Amino acid sequence: MRIVGALTLVLLLAAPGHTLLAQQVRVIAPGMTEGQVRESWGEPIIVRQRGEFTYMFYENGCLKTCGMHDLVILQGGQVIDAVARASYHAYDGVSSSPRERVPEPTPPAPVTGP
């Protein structure tokens, strides 16, 4: 009976889209195109464009603790930077916001009076 229960659990965890399944790390690199990023990381939840820059935002499962979605920045159609916090997203370049960087509080502005 325990073997059947364990097998059932394994099959449930292997089901497509199951959140408990350890996901394969998907890597992007500088110079990749938007299409190549989509092939690796999938469809973004939001895409914004400003001039020659494209910003692709991805779910990462840590929005509340990370403070933002994973982000890929393209300039002229090629990856120039990324912020990857999900365990299944990786950036093979030098990120402007590395994982080990800890947020620091901003000191309050001095109060000036009349």
PDB file of N, CA and C in Angstrom:
ATOM      1  N   MET A   1       0.820  -1.197   0.000  1.00  0.00           N
ATOM      2  CA  MET A   1       0.000   0.000   0.000  1.00  0.00           C
ATOM      3  C   MET A   1       0.864   1.262   0.000  1.00  0.00           C
ATOM      4  N   ARG A   2       1.987   1.243   0.746  1.00  0.00           N
ATOM      5  CA  ARG A   2       2.866   2.407   0.786  1.00  0.00           C
ATOM      6  C   ARG A   2       3.501   2.660  -0.581  1.00  0.00           C
ATOM      7  N   ILE A   3       3.823   1.609  -1.288  1.00  0.00           N
ATOM      8  CA  ILE A   3       4.426   1.761  -2.613  1.00  0.00           C
ATOM      9  C   ILE A   3       3.451   2.440  -3.561  1.00  0.00           C
ATOM     10  N   VAL A   4       2.182   2.059  -3.508  1.00  0.00           N
ATOM     11  CA  VAL A   4       1.169   2.676  -4.366  1.00  0.00           C
ATOM     12  C   VAL A   4       1.025   4.155  -4.021  1.00  0.00           C
ATOM     13  N   GLY A   5       1.005   4.488  -2.729  1.00  0.00           N
ATOM     14  CA  GLY A   5       0.895   5.887  -2.303  1.00  0.00           C
ATOM     15  C   GLY A   5       2.093   6.701  -2.757  1.00  0.00           C
ATOM     16  N   ALA A   6       3.286   6.140  -2.622  1.00  0.00           N
ATOM     17  CA  ALA A   6       4.494   6.836  -3.037  1.00  0.00           C
ATOM     18  C   ALA A   6       4.508   7.024  -4.547  1.00  0.00           C
ATOM     19  N   LEU A   7       4.092   6.013  -5.299  1.00  0.00           N
ATOM     20  CA  LEU A   7       4.042   6.113  -6.755  1.00  0.00           C
ATOM     21  C   LEU A   7       3.033   7.167  -7.185  1.00  0.00           C
ATOM     22  N   THR A   8       1.895   7.210  -6.511  1.00  0.00           N
ATOM     23  CA  THR A   8       0.877   8.218  -6.821  1.00  0.00           C
ATOM     24  C   THR A   8       1.448   9.614  -6.602  1.00  0.00           C
ATOM     25  N   LEU A   9       2.168   9.820  -5.490  1.00  0.00           N
ATOM     26  CA  LEU A   9       2.769  11.114  -5.201  1.00  0.00           C
ATOM     27  C   LEU A   9       3.781  11.490  -6.273  1.00  0.00           C
ATOM     28  N   VAL A  10       4.610  10.561  -6.687  1.00  0.00           N
ATOM     29  CA  VAL A  10       5.595  10.821  -7.736  1.00  0.00           C
ATOM     30  C   VAL A  10       4.905  11.220  -9.027  1.00  0.00           C
ATOM     31  N   LEU A  11       3.843  10.534  -9.381  1.00  0.00           N
ATOM     32  CA  LEU A  11       3.114  10.861 -10.604  1.00  0.00           C
ATOM     33  C   LEU A  11       2.470  12.238 -10.509  1.00  0.00           C
ATOM     34  N   LEU A  12       1.941  12.587  -9.338  1.00  0.00           N
ATOM     35  CA  LEU A  12       1.345  13.913  -9.158  1.00  0.00           C
ATOM     36  C   LEU A  12       2.397  15.006  -9.281  1.00  0.00           C
ATOM     37  N   LEU A  13       3.557  14.773  -8.684  1.00  0.00           N
ATOM     38  CA  LEU A  13       4.616  15.768  -8.749  1.00  0.00           C
ATOM     39  C   LEU A  13       5.178  15.916 -10.149  1.00  0.00           C
ATOM     40  N   ALA A  14       5.098  14.877 -10.939  1.00  0.00           N
ATOM     41  CA  ALA A  14       5.621  14.919 -12.302  1.00  0.00           C
ATOM     42  C   ALA A  14       4.630  15.522 -13.288  1.00  0.00           C
ATOM     43  N   ALA A  15       3.399  15.775 -12.836  1.00  0.00           N
ATOM     44  CA  ALA A  15       2.389  16.330 -13.732  1.00  0.00           C
ATOM     45  C   ALA A  15       2.824  17.708 -14.222  1.00  0.00           C
ATOM     46  N   PRO A  16       2.583  18.029 -15.479  1.00  0.00           N
ATOM     47  CA  PRO A  16       2.983  19.321 -16.023  1.00  0.00           C
ATOM     48  C   PRO A  16       2.384  20.469 -15.224  1.00  0.00           C
ATOM     49  N   GLY A  17       3.223  21.464 -14.933  1.00  0.00           N
ATOM     50  CA  GLY A  17       2.752  22.647 -14.252  1.00  0.00           C
ATOM     51  C   GLY A  17       2.604  22.500 -12.756  1.00  0.00           C
ATOM     52  N   HIS A  18       2.974  21.364 -12.191  1.00  0.00           N
ATOM     53  CA  HIS A  18       2.823  21.184 -10.752  1.00  0.00           C
ATOM     54  C   HIS A  18       3.855  22.030 -10.031  1.00  0.00           C
ATOM     55  N   THR A  19       3.422  22.810  -9.038  1.00  0.00           N
ATOM     56  CA  THR A  19       4.313  23.750  -8.371  1.00  0.00           C
ATOM     57  C   THR A  19       5.347  23.085  -7.482  1.00  0.00           C
ATOM     58  N   LEU A  20       5.123  21.868  -7.046  1.00  0.00           N
ATOM     59  CA  LEU A  20       6.086  21.212  -6.179  1.00  0.00           C
ATOM     60  C   LEU A  20       7.217  20.549  -6.951  1.00  0.00           C
ATOM     61  N   LEU A  21       7.081  20.459  -8.227  1.00  0.00           N
ATOM     62  CA  LEU A  21       8.103  19.817  -9.051  1.00  0.00           C
ATOM     63  C   LEU A  21       9.316  20.744  -9.166  1.00  0.00           C
ATOM     64  N   ALA A  22      10.479  20.212  -8.844  1.00  0.00           N
ATOM     65  CA  ALA A  22      11.703  20.996  -9.004  1.00  0.00           C
ATOM     66  C   ALA A  22      11.874  21.297 -10.487  1.00  0.00           C
ATOM     67  N   GLN A  23      11.952  22.568 -10.812  1.00  0.00           N
ATOM     68  CA  GLN A  23      12.028  22.952 -12.211  1.00  0.00           C
ATOM     69  C   GLN A  23      13.476  23.023 -12.679  1.00  0.00           C
ATOM     70  N   GLN A  24      13.669  22.741 -13.938  1.00  0.00           N
ATOM     71  CA  GLN A  24      14.982  22.801 -14.566  1.00  0.00           C
ATOM     72  C   GLN A  24      15.427  24.260 -14.653  1.00  0.00           C
ATOM     73  N   VAL A  25      16.693  24.520 -14.371  1.00  0.00           N
ATOM     74  CA  VAL A  25      17.227  25.873 -14.473  1.00  0.00           C
ATOM     75  C   VAL A  25      17.342  26.246 -15.943  1.00  0.00           C
ATOM     76  N   ARG A  26      16.765  27.379 -16.284  1.00  0.00           N
ATOM     77  CA  ARG A  26      16.781  27.870 -17.659  1.00  0.00           C
ATOM     78  C   ARG A  26      17.669  29.105 -17.707  1.00  0.00           C
ATOM     79  N   VAL A  27      18.651  29.079 -18.601  1.00  0.00           N
ATOM     80  CA  VAL A  27      19.686  30.109 -18.643  1.00  0.00           C
ATOM     81  C   VAL A  27      19.520  30.998 -19.874  1.00  0.00           C
ATOM     82  N   ILE A  28      19.665  32.308 -19.645  1.00  0.00           N
ATOM     83  CA  ILE A  28      19.749  33.253 -20.755  1.00  0.00           C
ATOM     84  C   ILE A  28      21.114  33.923 -20.674  1.00  0.00           C
ATOM     85  N   ALA A  29      21.532  34.551 -21.772  1.00  0.00           N
ATOM     86  CA  ALA A  29      22.865  35.147 -21.825  1.00  0.00           C
ATOM     87  C   ALA A  29      22.820  36.474 -22.581  1.00  0.00           C
ATOM     88  N   PRO A  30      23.805  37.331 -22.319  1.00  0.00           N
ATOM     89  CA  PRO A  30      23.885  38.583 -23.072  1.00  0.00           C
ATOM     90  C   PRO A  30      23.937  38.299 -24.571  1.00  0.00           C
ATOM     91  N   GLY A  31      23.257  39.162 -25.332  1.00  0.00           N
ATOM     92  CA  GLY A  31      23.258  39.021 -26.782  1.00  0.00           C
ATOM     93  C   GLY A  31      22.107  38.202 -27.335  1.00  0.00           C
ATOM     94  N   MET A  32      21.389  37.470 -26.468  1.00  0.00           N
ATOM     95  CA  MET A  32      20.246  36.688 -26.955  1.00  0.00           C
ATOM     96  C   MET A  32      19.148  37.623 -27.451  1.00  0.00           C
ATOM     97  N   THR A  33      18.353  37.134 -28.378  1.00  0.00           N
ATOM     98  CA  THR A  33      17.220  37.899 -28.895  1.00  0.00           C
ATOM     99  C   THR A  33      15.999  37.654 -28.015  1.00  0.00           C
ATOM    100  N   GLU A  34      14.962  38.445 -28.222  1.00  0.00           N
ATOM    101  CA  GLU A  34      13.716  38.260 -27.472  1.00  0.00           C
ATOM    102  C   GLU A  34      13.147  36.862 -27.706  1.00  0.00           C
ATOM    103  N   GLY A  35      13.213  36.391 -28.934  1.00  0.00           N
ATOM    104  CA  GLY A  35      12.727  35.049 -29.250  1.00  0.00           C
ATOM    105  C   GLY A  35      13.497  33.966 -28.509  1.00  0.00           C
ATOM    106  N   GLN A  36      14.804  34.123 -28.421  1.00  0.00           N
ATOM    107  CA  GLN A  36      15.618  33.149 -27.695  1.00  0.00           C
ATOM    108  C   GLN A  36      15.307  33.170 -26.195  1.00  0.00           C
ATOM    109  N   VAL A  37      15.054  34.362 -25.643  1.00  0.00           N
ATOM    110  CA  VAL A  37      14.678  34.465 -24.233  1.00  0.00           C
ATOM    111  C   VAL A  37      13.359  33.739 -24.007  1.00  0.00           C
ATOM    112  N   ARG A  38      12.400  33.949 -24.901  1.00  0.00           N
ATOM    113  CA  ARG A  38      11.096  33.280 -24.770  1.00  0.00           C
ATOM    114  C   ARG A  38      11.248  31.761 -24.877  1.00  0.00           C
ATOM    115  N   GLU A  39      12.147  31.290 -25.734  1.00  0.00           N
ATOM    116  CA  GLU A  39      12.386  29.843 -25.845  1.00  0.00           C
ATOM    117  C   GLU A  39      12.941  29.278 -24.545  1.00  0.00           C
ATOM    118  N   SER A  40      13.777  30.045 -23.865  1.00  0.00           N
ATOM    119  CA  SER A  40      14.402  29.568 -22.636  1.00  0.00           C
ATOM    120  C   SER A  40      13.509  29.767 -21.412  1.00  0.00           C
ATOM    121  N   TRP A  41      13.050  30.991 -21.179  1.00  0.00           N
ATOM    122  CA  TRP A  41      12.287  31.308 -19.965  1.00  0.00           C
ATOM    123  C   TRP A  41      10.774  31.222 -20.161  1.00  0.00           C
ATOM    124  N   GLY A  42      10.315  31.104 -21.399  1.00  0.00           N
ATOM    125  CA  GLY A  42       8.878  31.027 -21.644  1.00  0.00           C
ATOM    126  C   GLY A  42       8.286  32.400 -21.897  1.00  0.00           C
ATOM    127  N   GLU A  43       6.971  32.472 -21.818  1.00  0.00           N
ATOM    128  CA  GLU A  43       6.271  33.727 -22.082  1.00  0.00           C
ATOM    129  C   GLU A  43       6.315  34.631 -20.845  1.00  0.00           C
ATOM    130  N   PRO A  44       6.681  35.889 -21.021  1.00  0.00           N
ATOM    131  CA  PRO A  44       6.690  36.819 -19.890  1.00  0.00           C
ATOM    132  C   PRO A  44       5.271  37.169 -19.466  1.00  0.00           C
ATOM    133  N   ILE A  45       5.141  37.639 -18.225  1.00  0.00           N
ATOM    134  CA  ILE A  45       3.812  38.068 -17.763  1.00  0.00           C
ATOM    135  C   ILE A  45       3.499  39.470 -18.267  1.00  0.00           C
ATOM    136  N   ILE A  46       4.532  40.220 -18.584  1.00  0.00           N
ATOM    137  CA  ILE A  46       4.339  41.578 -19.090  1.00  0.00           C
ATOM    138  C   ILE A  46       5.569  41.977 -19.903  1.00  0.00           C
ATOM    139  N   VAL A  47       5.354  42.750 -20.954  1.00  0.00           N
ATOM    140  CA  VAL A  47       6.452  43.281 -21.765  1.00  0.00           C
ATOM    141  C   VAL A  47       6.197  44.769 -21.936  1.00  0.00           C
ATOM    142  N   ARG A  48       7.228  45.569 -21.718  1.00  0.00           N
ATOM    143  CA  ARG A  48       7.136  47.012 -21.908  1.00  0.00           C
ATOM    144  C   ARG A  48       8.269  47.448 -22.820  1.00  0.00           C
ATOM    145  N   GLN A  49       7.996  48.440 -23.656  1.00  0.00           N
ATOM    146  CA  GLN A  49       9.017  48.971 -24.546  1.00  0.00           C
ATOM    147  C   GLN A  49       9.127  50.472 -24.350  1.00  0.00           C
ATOM    148  N   ARG A  50      10.352  50.943 -24.387  1.00  0.00           N
ATOM    149  CA  ARG A  50      10.619  52.368 -24.273  1.00  0.00           C
ATOM    150  C   ARG A  50      11.815  52.671 -25.164  1.00  0.00           C
ATOM    151  N   GLY A  51      11.545  53.298 -26.308  1.00  0.00           N
ATOM    152  CA  GLY A  51      12.625  53.575 -27.252  1.00  0.00           C
ATOM    153  C   GLY A  51      13.215  52.276 -27.759  1.00  0.00           C
ATOM    154  N   GLU A  52      14.529  52.147 -27.661  1.00  0.00           N
ATOM    155  CA  GLU A  52      15.194  50.931 -28.138  1.00  0.00           C
ATOM    156  C   GLU A  52      15.285  49.850 -27.056  1.00  0.00           C
ATOM    157  N   PHE A  53      14.667  50.095 -25.902  1.00  0.00           N
ATOM    158  CA  PHE A  53      14.720  49.146 -24.792  1.00  0.00           C
ATOM    159  C   PHE A  53      13.426  48.343 -24.684  1.00  0.00           C
ATOM    160  N   THR A  54      13.570  47.059 -24.380  1.00  0.00           N
ATOM    161  CA  THR A  54      12.438  46.167 -24.109  1.00  0.00           C
ATOM    162  C   THR A  54      12.659  45.568 -22.735  1.00  0.00           C
ATOM    163  N   TYR A  55      11.599  45.568 -21.917  1.00  0.00           N
ATOM    164  CA  TYR A  55      11.643  45.038 -20.555  1.00  0.00           C
ATOM    165  C   TYR A  55      10.663  43.869 -20.470  1.00  0.00           C
ATOM    166  N   MET A  56      11.182  42.681 -20.187  1.00  0.00           N
ATOM    167  CA  MET A  56      10.355  41.478 -20.092  1.00  0.00           C
ATOM    168  C   MET A  56      10.321  41.037 -18.623  1.00  0.00           C
ATOM    169  N   PHE A  57       9.112  40.956 -18.053  1.00  0.00           N
ATOM    170  CA  PHE A  57       8.945  40.587 -16.646  1.00  0.00           C
ATOM    171  C   PHE A  57       8.430  39.158 -16.538  1.00  0.00           C
ATOM    172  N   TYR A  58       8.995  38.406 -15.593  1.00  0.00           N
ATOM    173  CA  TYR A  58       8.653  36.999 -15.399  1.00  0.00           C
ATOM    174  C   TYR A  58       8.302  36.709 -13.944  1.00  0.00           C
ATOM    175  N   GLU A  59       7.330  35.790 -13.741  1.00  0.00           N
ATOM    176  CA  GLU A  59       7.015  35.290 -12.398  1.00  0.00           C
ATOM    177  C   GLU A  59       8.255  34.657 -11.806  1.00  0.00           C
ATOM    178  N   ASN A  60       8.423  34.835 -10.489  1.00  0.00           N
ATOM    179  CA  ASN A  60       9.559  34.204  -9.837  1.00  0.00           C
ATOM    180  C   ASN A  60       9.186  33.524  -8.516  1.00  0.00           C
ATOM    181  N   GLY A  61       7.935  33.684  -8.090  1.00  0.00           N
ATOM    182  CA  GLY A  61       7.494  33.044  -6.853  1.00  0.00           C
ATOM    183  C   GLY A  61       7.978  33.715  -5.585  1.00  0.00           C
ATOM    184  N   CYS A  62       8.673  34.850  -5.711  1.00  0.00           N
ATOM    185  CA  CYS A  62       9.146  35.537  -4.505  1.00  0.00           C
ATOM    186  C   CYS A  62       8.876  37.032  -4.571  1.00  0.00           C
ATOM    187  N   LEU A  63       7.800  37.412  -5.223  1.00  0.00           N
ATOM    188  CA  LEU A  63       7.501  38.828  -5.407  1.00  0.00           C
ATOM    189  C   LEU A  63       7.482  39.583  -4.080  1.00  0.00           C
ATOM    190  N   LYS A  64       6.855  38.999  -3.055  1.00  0.00           N
ATOM    191  CA  LYS A  64       6.764  39.695  -1.764  1.00  0.00           C
ATOM    192  C   LYS A  64       8.119  39.844  -1.093  1.00  0.00           C
ATOM    193  N   THR A  65       8.966  38.837  -1.187  1.00  0.00           N
ATOM    194  CA  THR A  65      10.275  38.911  -0.529  1.00  0.00           C
ATOM    195  C   THR A  65      11.347  39.521  -1.420  1.00  0.00           C
ATOM    196  N   CYS A  66      11.230  39.360  -2.728  1.00  0.00           N
ATOM    197  CA  CYS A  66      12.228  39.910  -3.655  1.00  0.00           C
ATOM    198  C   CYS A  66      11.930  41.359  -4.014  1.00  0.00           C
ATOM    199  N   GLY A  67      10.656  41.717  -3.993  1.00  0.00           N
ATOM    200  CA  GLY A  67      10.265  43.079  -4.307  1.00  0.00           C
ATOM    201  C   GLY A  67      10.005  43.353  -5.773  1.00  0.00           C
ATOM    202  N   MET A  68      10.239  42.370  -6.623  1.00  0.00           N
ATOM    203  CA  MET A  68       9.991  42.558  -8.055  1.00  0.00           C
ATOM    204  C   MET A  68       9.958  41.210  -8.761  1.00  0.00           C
ATOM    205  N   HIS A  69       9.427  41.222  -9.967  1.00  0.00           N
ATOM    206  CA  HIS A  69       9.460  40.041 -10.816  1.00  0.00           C
ATOM    207  C   HIS A  69      10.864  39.904 -11.394  1.00  0.00           C
ATOM    208  N   ASP A  70      11.184  38.723 -11.922  1.00  0.00           N
ATOM    209  CA  ASP A  70      12.431  38.575 -12.661  1.00  0.00           C
ATOM    210  C   ASP A  70      12.324  39.459 -13.901  1.00  0.00           C
ATOM    211  N   LEU A  71      13.442  40.005 -14.330  1.00  0.00           N
ATOM    212  CA  LEU A  71      13.440  41.012 -15.384  1.00  0.00           C
ATOM    213  C   LEU A  71      14.548  40.740 -16.391  1.00  0.00           C
ATOM    214  N   VAL A  72      14.207  40.870 -17.665  1.00  0.00           N
ATOM    215  CA  VAL A  72      15.198  40.782 -18.745  1.00  0.00           C
ATOM    216  C   VAL A  72      15.132  42.106 -19.494  1.00  0.00           C
ATOM    217  N   ILE A  73      16.289  42.726 -19.696  1.00  0.00           N
ATOM    218  CA  ILE A  73      16.358  44.007 -20.399  1.00  0.00           C
ATOM    219  C   ILE A  73      17.087  43.796 -21.722  1.00  0.00           C
ATOM    220  N   LEU A  74      16.424  44.213 -22.796  1.00  0.00           N
ATOM    221  CA  LEU A  74      17.021  44.135 -24.125  1.00  0.00           C
ATOM    222  C   LEU A  74      17.218  45.554 -24.657  1.00  0.00           C
ATOM    223  N   GLN A  75      18.303  45.748 -25.368  1.00  0.00           N
ATOM    224  CA  GLN A  75      18.543  47.009 -26.060  1.00  0.00           C
ATOM    225  C   GLN A  75      18.839  46.676 -27.506  1.00  0.00           C
ATOM    226  N   GLY A  76      18.094  47.303 -28.406  1.00  0.00           N
ATOM    227  CA  GLY A  76      18.286  47.011 -29.818  1.00  0.00           C
ATOM    228  C   GLY A  76      18.010  45.560 -30.155  1.00  0.00           C
ATOM    229  N   GLY A  77      17.115  44.927 -29.378  1.00  0.00           N
ATOM    230  CA  GLY A  77      16.717  43.550 -29.653  1.00  0.00           C
ATOM    231  C   GLY A  77      17.609  42.480 -29.065  1.00  0.00           C
ATOM    232  N   GLN A  78      18.610  42.875 -28.245  1.00  0.00           N
ATOM    233  CA  GLN A  78      19.508  41.896 -27.639  1.00  0.00           C
ATOM    234  C   GLN A  78      19.591  42.096 -26.127  1.00  0.00           C
ATOM    235  N   VAL A  79      19.707  40.990 -25.395  1.00  0.00           N
ATOM    236  CA  VAL A  79      19.792  41.029 -23.939  1.00  0.00           C
ATOM    237  C   VAL A  79      21.053  41.781 -23.520  1.00  0.00           C
ATOM    238  N   ILE A  80      20.859  42.763 -22.609  1.00  0.00           N
ATOM    239  CA  ILE A  80      22.004  43.488 -22.054  1.00  0.00           C
ATOM    240  C   ILE A  80      22.091  43.328 -20.537  1.00  0.00           C
ATOM    241  N   ASP A  81      20.989  42.887 -19.898  1.00  0.00           N
ATOM    242  CA  ASP A  81      20.977  42.744 -18.443  1.00  0.00           C
ATOM    243  C   ASP A  81      19.788  41.892 -18.036  1.00  0.00           C
ATOM    244  N   ALA A  82      19.871  41.319 -16.842  1.00  0.00           N
ATOM    245  CA  ALA A  82      18.750  40.546 -16.302  1.00  0.00           C
ATOM    246  C   ALA A  82      18.871  40.493 -14.785  1.00  0.00           C
ATOM    247  N   VAL A  83      17.710  40.405 -14.138  1.00  0.00           N
ATOM    248  CA  VAL A  83      17.631  40.192 -12.697  1.00  0.00           C
ATOM    249  C   VAL A  83      16.866  38.894 -12.521  1.00  0.00           C
ATOM    250  N   ALA A  84      17.559  37.865 -12.068  1.00  0.00           N
ATOM    251  CA  ALA A  84      16.960  36.532 -11.929  1.00  0.00           C
ATOM    252  C   ALA A  84      16.953  36.123 -10.463  1.00  0.00           C
ATOM    253  N   ARG A  85      15.765  36.001  -9.881  1.00  0.00           N
ATOM    254  CA  ARG A  85      15.624  35.594  -8.487  1.00  0.00           C
ATOM    255  C   ARG A  85      15.032  34.189  -8.353  1.00  0.00           C
ATOM    256  N   ALA A  86      14.260  33.748  -9.341  1.00  0.00           N
ATOM    257  CA  ALA A  86      13.674  32.406  -9.297  1.00  0.00           C
ATOM    258  C   ALA A  86      14.791  31.371  -9.359  1.00  0.00           C
ATOM    259  N   SER A  87      14.617  30.276  -8.652  1.00  0.00           N
ATOM    260  CA  SER A  87      15.637  29.222  -8.652  1.00  0.00           C
ATOM    261  C   SER A  87      15.773  28.571 -10.024  1.00  0.00           C
ATOM    262  N   TYR A  88      14.774  28.734 -10.871  1.00  0.00           N
ATOM    263  CA  TYR A  88      14.775  28.113 -12.191  1.00  0.00           C
ATOM    264  C   TYR A  88      15.164  29.093 -13.299  1.00  0.00           C
ATOM    265  N   HIS A  89      15.514  30.339 -12.950  1.00  0.00           N
ATOM    266  CA  HIS A  89      16.001  31.322 -13.914  1.00  0.00           C
ATOM    267  C   HIS A  89      17.456  31.629 -13.606  1.00  0.00           C
ATOM    268  N   ALA A  90      18.266  31.721 -14.641  1.00  0.00           N
ATOM    269  CA  ALA A  90      19.674  32.094 -14.458  1.00  0.00           C
ATOM    270  C   ALA A  90      20.088  33.016 -15.592  1.00  0.00           C
ATOM    271  N   TYR A  91      21.019  33.923 -15.275  1.00  0.00           N
ATOM    272  CA  TYR A  91      21.569  34.854 -16.250  1.00  0.00           C
ATOM    273  C   TYR A  91      23.059  34.610 -16.330  1.00  0.00           C
ATOM    274  N   ASP A  92      23.548  34.327 -17.527  1.00  0.00           N
ATOM    275  CA  ASP A  92      24.946  33.985 -17.738  1.00  0.00           C
ATOM    276  C   ASP A  92      25.772  35.224 -18.080  1.00  0.00           C
ATOM    277  N   GLY A  93      25.399  36.336 -17.498  1.00  0.00           N
ATOM    278  CA  GLY A  93      26.139  37.581 -17.675  1.00  0.00           C
ATOM    279  C   GLY A  93      26.342  38.203 -16.307  1.00  0.00           C
ATOM    280  N   VAL A  94      26.817  39.425 -16.281  1.00  0.00           N
ATOM    281  CA  VAL A  94      26.990  40.135 -15.019  1.00  0.00           C
ATOM    282  C   VAL A  94      25.747  40.987 -14.810  1.00  0.00           C
ATOM    283  N   SER A  95      24.941  40.597 -13.829  1.00  0.00           N
ATOM    284  CA  SER A  95      23.694  41.294 -13.538  1.00  0.00           C
ATOM    285  C   SER A  95      23.964  42.598 -12.804  1.00  0.00           C
ATOM    286  N   SER A  96      23.171  43.606 -13.102  1.00  0.00           N
ATOM    287  CA  SER A  96      23.285  44.866 -12.372  1.00  0.00           C
ATOM    288  C   SER A  96      22.707  44.732 -10.969  1.00  0.00           C
ATOM    289  N   SER A  97      22.012  43.628 -10.703  1.00  0.00           N
ATOM    290  CA  SER A  97      21.457  43.359  -9.377  1.00  0.00           C
ATOM    291  C   SER A  97      21.712  41.898  -9.024  1.00  0.00           C
ATOM    292  N   PRO A  98      22.948  41.586  -8.606  1.00  0.00           N
ATOM    293  CA  PRO A  98      23.267  40.189  -8.297  1.00  0.00           C
ATOM    294  C   PRO A  98      22.467  39.670  -7.111  1.00  0.00           C
ATOM    295  N   ARG A  99      22.283  38.366  -7.073  1.00  0.00           N
ATOM    296  CA  ARG A  99      21.490  37.691  -6.049  1.00  0.00           C
ATOM    297  C   ARG A  99      21.951  38.028  -4.631  1.00  0.00           C
ATOM    298  N   GLU A 100      23.260  38.171  -4.447  1.00  0.00           N
ATOM    299  CA  GLU A 100      23.783  38.408  -3.110  1.00  0.00           C
ATOM    300  C   GLU A 100      23.626  39.854  -2.638  1.00  0.00           C
ATOM    301  N   ARG A 101      23.177  40.731  -3.514  1.00  0.00           N
ATOM    302  CA  ARG A 101      22.965  42.124  -3.122  1.00  0.00           C
ATOM    303  C   ARG A 101      21.743  42.217  -2.211  1.00  0.00           C
ATOM    304  N   VAL A 102      21.937  42.858  -1.065  1.00  0.00           N
ATOM    305  CA  VAL A 102      20.864  42.994  -0.078  1.00  0.00           C
ATOM    306  C   VAL A 102      20.309  44.415  -0.156  1.00  0.00           C
ATOM    307  N   PRO A 103      18.974  44.553  -0.173  1.00  0.00           N
ATOM    308  CA  PRO A 103      18.401  45.903  -0.213  1.00  0.00           C
ATOM    309  C   PRO A 103      18.808  46.704   1.020  1.00  0.00           C
ATOM    310  N   GLU A 104      19.093  47.971   0.808  1.00  0.00           N
ATOM    311  CA  GLU A 104      19.442  48.855   1.910  1.00  0.00           C
ATOM    312  C   GLU A 104      18.371  49.928   2.032  1.00  0.00           C
ATOM    313  N   PRO A 105      18.002  50.255   3.278  1.00  0.00           N
ATOM    314  CA  PRO A 105      16.986  51.292   3.444  1.00  0.00           C
ATOM    315  C   PRO A 105      17.532  52.657   3.010  1.00  0.00           C
ATOM    316  N   THR A 106      16.676  53.461   2.456  1.00  0.00           N
ATOM    317  CA  THR A 106      17.053  54.807   2.068  1.00  0.00           C
ATOM    318  C   THR A 106      16.829  55.713   3.267  1.00  0.00           C
ATOM    319  N   PRO A 107      17.850  56.489   3.653  1.00  0.00           N
ATOM    320  CA  PRO A 107      17.638  57.371   4.805  1.00  0.00           C
ATOM    321  C   PRO A 107      16.617  58.435   4.460  1.00  0.00           C
ATOM    322  N   PRO A 108      15.839  58.854   5.450  1.00  0.00           N
ATOM    323  CA  PRO A 108      14.828  59.891   5.172  1.00  0.00           C
ATOM    324  C   PRO A 108      15.497  61.221   4.816  1.00  0.00           C
ATOM    325  N   ALA A 109      14.832  61.988   3.983  1.00  0.00           N
ATOM    326  CA  ALA A 109      15.346  63.287   3.581  1.00  0.00           C
ATOM    327  C   ALA A 109      15.308  64.219   4.791  1.00  0.00           C
ATOM    328  N   PRO A 110      16.301  65.095   4.906  1.00  0.00           N
ATOM    329  CA  PRO A 110      16.301  66.019   6.043  1.00  0.00           C
ATOM    330  C   PRO A 110      15.112  66.960   5.956  1.00  0.00           C
ATOM    331  N   VAL A 111      14.560  67.264   7.100  1.00  0.00           N
ATOM    332  CA  VAL A 111      13.417  68.170   7.171  1.00  0.00           C
ATOM    333  C   VAL A 111      13.933  69.594   7.245  1.00  0.00           C
ATOM    334  N   THR A 112      13.465  70.396   6.304  1.00  0.00           N
ATOM    335  CA  THR A 112      13.841  71.812   6.326  1.00  0.00           C
ATOM    336  C   THR A 112      12.611  72.639   6.597  1.00  0.00           C
ATOM    337  N   GLY A 113      12.778  73.649   7.387  1.00  0.00           N
ATOM    338  CA  GLY A 113      11.619  74.485   7.744  1.00  0.00           C
ATOM    339  C   GLY A 113      11.800  75.899   7.283  1.00  0.00           C
ATOM    340  N   PRO A 114      10.760  76.691   7.443  1.00  0.00           N
ATOM    341  CA  PRO A 114      10.845  78.096   7.039  1.00  0.00           C
ATOM    342  C   PRO A 114      11.711  78.918   7.940  1.00  0.00           C
TER     343      PRO A 114
END
